[in-house]
Amino acid sequence: MAQSKGDASLSRPKKGFTVQASPFNVVKFDLALIVVVGLMLLLVHDRLIDHQLGQVLTLLGYGCLAMCWIVFRTRRVASQLADDDTNTSVGDGK
């Protein structure tokens, strides 16, 4: 029995991990990378720095820098989306 075109659209042809296209995907990727690097830093920070205060300051500094980076990237993507939305509505004559 042959499948019609409508039947093919009901099933997923490929299985795997996919994310819908979104302008914030770059921010999600950055966040995943920051979490992985942060976990590695958490595992080795006691071998890198002997003093406890230095260890705490290293982790605190990494966390603050990571937070600032994510906020910066998110605001930049959001402002680009707002600019695109403004340009689209002006171009439509609305």
N, C-alpha and C. Protein backbone atom coordinates (compact mmCIF):
# COMPACT_ATOMS: atom_id res chain seq x y z
N MET A 1 0.84 -1.17 0.00
CA MET A 1 0.00 0.00 0.00
C MET A 1 0.89 1.24 0.00
N ALA A 2 0.68 2.09 -0.94
CA ALA A 2 1.48 3.31 -1.07
C ALA A 2 0.97 4.37 -0.12
N GLN A 3 1.89 5.15 0.42
CA GLN A 3 1.50 6.23 1.32
C GLN A 3 1.28 7.51 0.51
N SER A 4 0.26 8.21 0.89
CA SER A 4 0.02 9.48 0.21
C SER A 4 0.87 10.56 0.86
N LYS A 5 0.89 11.72 0.25
CA LYS A 5 1.69 12.83 0.76
C LYS A 5 1.21 13.27 2.14
N GLY A 6 -0.07 13.21 2.39
CA GLY A 6 -0.63 13.59 3.69
C GLY A 6 -0.20 12.66 4.80
N ASP A 7 -0.04 11.37 4.49
CA ASP A 7 0.40 10.40 5.50
C ASP A 7 1.84 10.67 5.92
N ALA A 8 2.65 11.07 4.99
CA ALA A 8 4.06 11.32 5.29
C ALA A 8 4.23 12.51 6.22
N SER A 9 3.33 13.47 6.15
CA SER A 9 3.48 14.65 6.99
C SER A 9 3.09 14.38 8.43
N LEU A 10 2.38 13.28 8.68
CA LEU A 10 1.97 12.96 10.05
C LEU A 10 3.09 12.34 10.86
N SER A 11 4.01 11.68 10.23
CA SER A 11 5.09 11.04 10.97
C SER A 11 6.36 11.88 10.86
N ARG A 12 7.20 11.71 11.85
CA ARG A 12 8.47 12.42 11.84
C ARG A 12 9.49 11.60 11.07
N PRO A 13 10.02 12.11 10.00
CA PRO A 13 10.95 11.33 9.20
C PRO A 13 12.28 11.08 9.91
N LYS A 14 12.75 12.03 10.71
CA LYS A 14 14.02 11.87 11.41
C LYS A 14 13.78 11.99 12.90
N LYS A 15 14.45 11.16 13.63
CA LYS A 15 14.41 11.28 15.08
C LYS A 15 15.73 11.88 15.53
N GLY A 16 15.66 12.70 16.54
CA GLY A 16 16.87 13.31 17.06
C GLY A 16 16.53 14.55 17.84
N PHE A 17 17.55 15.19 18.32
CA PHE A 17 17.39 16.40 19.11
C PHE A 17 17.41 17.60 18.19
N THR A 18 16.28 18.26 18.06
CA THR A 18 16.20 19.46 17.24
C THR A 18 15.54 20.57 18.03
N VAL A 19 15.88 21.77 17.66
CA VAL A 19 15.30 22.96 18.29
C VAL A 19 14.71 23.80 17.18
N GLN A 20 13.51 24.34 17.41
CA GLN A 20 12.91 25.19 16.40
C GLN A 20 13.79 26.41 16.17
N ALA A 21 13.78 26.89 14.95
CA ALA A 21 14.56 28.07 14.62
C ALA A 21 14.06 29.26 15.43
N SER A 22 15.00 29.91 16.08
CA SER A 22 14.67 31.04 16.93
C SER A 22 15.87 31.98 16.93
N PRO A 23 15.64 33.28 16.99
CA PRO A 23 16.77 34.20 17.07
C PRO A 23 17.55 34.04 18.37
N PHE A 24 16.93 33.46 19.40
CA PHE A 24 17.60 33.30 20.68
C PHE A 24 18.41 31.99 20.76
N ASN A 25 18.50 31.23 19.69
CA ASN A 25 19.28 29.99 19.71
C ASN A 25 20.75 30.26 19.99
N VAL A 26 21.28 31.40 19.52
CA VAL A 26 22.68 31.73 19.80
C VAL A 26 22.88 31.96 21.30
N VAL A 27 21.89 32.55 21.95
CA VAL A 27 21.98 32.77 23.40
C VAL A 27 21.90 31.43 24.13
N LYS A 28 21.05 30.53 23.66
CA LYS A 28 20.94 29.21 24.27
C LYS A 28 22.26 28.45 24.14
N PHE A 29 22.89 28.56 22.98
CA PHE A 29 24.17 27.88 22.77
C PHE A 29 25.23 28.47 23.71
N ASP A 30 25.28 29.79 23.82
CA ASP A 30 26.22 30.43 24.72
C ASP A 30 25.99 29.98 26.16
N LEU A 31 24.74 29.90 26.57
CA LEU A 31 24.42 29.47 27.93
C LEU A 31 24.87 28.03 28.17
N ALA A 32 24.65 27.15 27.20
CA ALA A 32 25.09 25.76 27.35
C ALA A 32 26.61 25.68 27.46
N LEU A 33 27.31 26.46 26.66
CA LEU A 33 28.77 26.48 26.71
C LEU A 33 29.26 27.02 28.05
N ILE A 34 28.62 28.06 28.55
CA ILE A 34 28.99 28.64 29.84
C ILE A 34 28.78 27.64 30.96
N VAL A 35 27.68 26.89 30.92
CA VAL A 35 27.40 25.89 31.96
C VAL A 35 28.45 24.79 31.94
N VAL A 36 28.82 24.32 30.75
CA VAL A 36 29.81 23.25 30.64
C VAL A 36 31.17 23.73 31.16
N VAL A 37 31.59 24.90 30.75
CA VAL A 37 32.88 25.44 31.21
C VAL A 37 32.82 25.70 32.72
N GLY A 38 31.70 26.19 33.21
CA GLY A 38 31.55 26.42 34.64
C GLY A 38 31.65 25.14 35.45
N LEU A 39 31.04 24.06 34.95
CA LEU A 39 31.14 22.78 35.64
C LEU A 39 32.57 22.26 35.64
N MET A 40 33.29 22.43 34.54
CA MET A 40 34.69 22.02 34.50
C MET A 40 35.51 22.85 35.47
N LEU A 41 35.25 24.15 35.53
CA LEU A 41 35.95 25.01 36.47
C LEU A 41 35.65 24.61 37.91
N LEU A 42 34.42 24.25 38.17
CA LEU A 42 34.03 23.82 39.51
C LEU A 42 34.78 22.55 39.92
N LEU A 43 35.01 21.67 38.96
CA LEU A 43 35.71 20.42 39.26
C LEU A 43 37.20 20.61 39.51
N VAL A 44 37.82 21.60 38.87
CA VAL A 44 39.28 21.74 38.96
C VAL A 44 39.74 22.98 39.71
N HIS A 45 38.82 23.80 40.22
CA HIS A 45 39.26 25.04 40.85
C HIS A 45 40.09 24.80 42.10
N ASP A 46 39.88 23.72 42.80
CA ASP A 46 40.68 23.46 44.00
C ASP A 46 42.10 23.02 43.66
N ARG A 47 42.32 22.51 42.47
CA ARG A 47 43.67 22.15 42.03
C ARG A 47 44.40 23.34 41.42
N LEU A 48 43.64 24.29 40.89
CA LEU A 48 44.26 25.46 40.28
C LEU A 48 44.70 26.49 41.32
N ILE A 49 43.88 26.68 42.35
CA ILE A 49 44.13 27.71 43.34
C ILE A 49 44.07 27.07 44.72
N ASP A 50 45.11 27.32 45.53
CA ASP A 50 45.18 26.69 46.84
C ASP A 50 44.35 27.39 47.90
N HIS A 51 44.31 28.70 47.86
CA HIS A 51 43.64 29.45 48.91
C HIS A 51 42.12 29.45 48.68
N GLN A 52 41.35 29.25 49.75
CA GLN A 52 39.89 29.17 49.63
C GLN A 52 39.27 30.47 49.14
N LEU A 53 39.79 31.59 49.60
CA LEU A 53 39.25 32.87 49.16
C LEU A 53 39.47 33.05 47.65
N GLY A 54 40.62 32.63 47.17
CA GLY A 54 40.88 32.70 45.73
C GLY A 54 39.95 31.81 44.94
N GLN A 55 39.64 30.64 45.49
CA GLN A 55 38.72 29.74 44.82
C GLN A 55 37.32 30.34 44.73
N VAL A 56 36.87 30.92 45.85
CA VAL A 56 35.54 31.53 45.86
C VAL A 56 35.50 32.72 44.91
N LEU A 57 36.54 33.54 44.93
CA LEU A 57 36.57 34.71 44.04
C LEU A 57 36.63 34.29 42.57
N THR A 58 37.33 33.21 42.28
CA THR A 58 37.39 32.72 40.90
C THR A 58 36.01 32.28 40.42
N LEU A 59 35.32 31.49 41.23
CA LEU A 59 33.99 31.02 40.84
C LEU A 59 33.00 32.18 40.78
N LEU A 60 33.09 33.11 41.73
CA LEU A 60 32.21 34.26 41.74
C LEU A 60 32.46 35.15 40.52
N GLY A 61 33.71 35.36 40.21
CA GLY A 61 34.06 36.17 39.04
C GLY A 61 33.57 35.53 37.75
N TYR A 62 33.74 34.21 37.62
CA TYR A 62 33.27 33.52 36.42
C TYR A 62 31.75 33.63 36.31
N GLY A 63 31.06 33.46 37.43
CA GLY A 63 29.60 33.56 37.41
C GLY A 63 29.12 34.95 37.02
N CYS A 64 29.77 35.98 37.55
CA CYS A 64 29.38 37.36 37.22
C CYS A 64 29.67 37.68 35.75
N LEU A 65 30.83 37.26 35.26
CA LEU A 65 31.14 37.49 33.85
C LEU A 65 30.17 36.74 32.94
N ALA A 66 29.84 35.52 33.30
CA ALA A 66 28.90 34.73 32.51
C ALA A 66 27.53 35.39 32.50
N MET A 67 27.09 35.87 33.66
CA MET A 67 25.79 36.54 33.74
C MET A 67 25.76 37.79 32.86
N CYS A 68 26.83 38.59 32.95
CA CYS A 68 26.89 39.81 32.14
C CYS A 68 26.87 39.49 30.65
N TRP A 69 27.59 38.43 30.26
CA TRP A 69 27.62 38.04 28.85
C TRP A 69 26.24 37.62 28.36
N ILE A 70 25.54 36.81 29.14
CA ILE A 70 24.20 36.34 28.74
C ILE A 70 23.22 37.52 28.67
N VAL A 71 23.29 38.43 29.62
CA VAL A 71 22.41 39.61 29.59
C VAL A 71 22.72 40.46 28.37
N PHE A 72 24.00 40.67 28.08
CA PHE A 72 24.40 41.46 26.91
C PHE A 72 23.90 40.83 25.62
N ARG A 73 24.10 39.52 25.46
CA ARG A 73 23.67 38.84 24.22
C ARG A 73 22.15 38.84 24.08
N THR A 74 21.44 38.62 25.18
CA THR A 74 19.98 38.60 25.13
C THR A 74 19.43 39.96 24.76
N ARG A 75 19.97 41.01 25.35
CA ARG A 75 19.51 42.36 25.02
C ARG A 75 19.81 42.72 23.57
N ARG A 76 20.97 42.27 23.08
CA ARG A 76 21.33 42.57 21.69
C ARG A 76 20.37 41.87 20.73
N VAL A 77 20.06 40.60 20.98
CA VAL A 77 19.13 39.88 20.11
C VAL A 77 17.74 40.50 20.20
N ALA A 78 17.30 40.85 21.41
CA ALA A 78 15.98 41.45 21.58
C ALA A 78 15.89 42.80 20.88
N SER A 79 16.96 43.59 20.94
CA SER A 79 16.92 44.89 20.26
C SER A 79 16.93 44.71 18.74
N GLN A 80 17.64 43.69 18.25
CA GLN A 80 17.61 43.41 16.81
C GLN A 80 16.22 43.00 16.38
N LEU A 81 15.54 42.20 17.19
CA LEU A 81 14.18 41.80 16.87
C LEU A 81 13.25 43.01 16.87
N ALA A 82 13.41 43.89 17.84
CA ALA A 82 12.58 45.09 17.90
C ALA A 82 12.84 45.99 16.70
N ASP A 83 14.11 46.12 16.31
CA ASP A 83 14.44 46.93 15.12
C ASP A 83 13.84 46.32 13.86
N ASP A 84 13.93 44.99 13.74
CA ASP A 84 13.36 44.34 12.57
C ASP A 84 11.85 44.50 12.53
N ASP A 85 11.21 44.42 13.70
CA ASP A 85 9.77 44.59 13.78
C ASP A 85 9.37 46.03 13.42
N THR A 86 10.16 46.98 13.89
CA THR A 86 9.89 48.38 13.58
C THR A 86 10.07 48.65 12.09
N ASN A 87 11.14 48.10 11.51
CA ASN A 87 11.39 48.30 10.08
C ASN A 87 10.31 47.62 9.24
N THR A 88 9.82 46.47 9.66
CA THR A 88 8.79 45.77 8.92
C THR A 88 7.48 46.56 8.95
N SER A 89 7.11 47.08 10.11
CA SER A 89 5.86 47.81 10.19
C SER A 89 5.94 49.13 9.46
N VAL A 90 7.10 49.77 9.41
CA VAL A 90 7.26 51.02 8.66
C VAL A 90 7.23 50.71 7.16
N GLY A 91 7.82 49.59 6.75
CA GLY A 91 7.85 49.22 5.34
C GLY A 91 6.48 48.84 4.82
N ASP A 92 5.59 48.37 5.66
CA ASP A 92 4.25 47.98 5.25
C ASP A 92 3.33 49.20 5.11
N GLY A 93 3.77 50.32 5.65
CA GLY A 93 2.95 51.51 5.59
C GLY A 93 1.89 51.57 6.67
N LYS A 94 2.06 50.84 7.73
CA LYS A 94 1.07 50.82 8.82
C LYS A 94 1.33 51.92 9.80
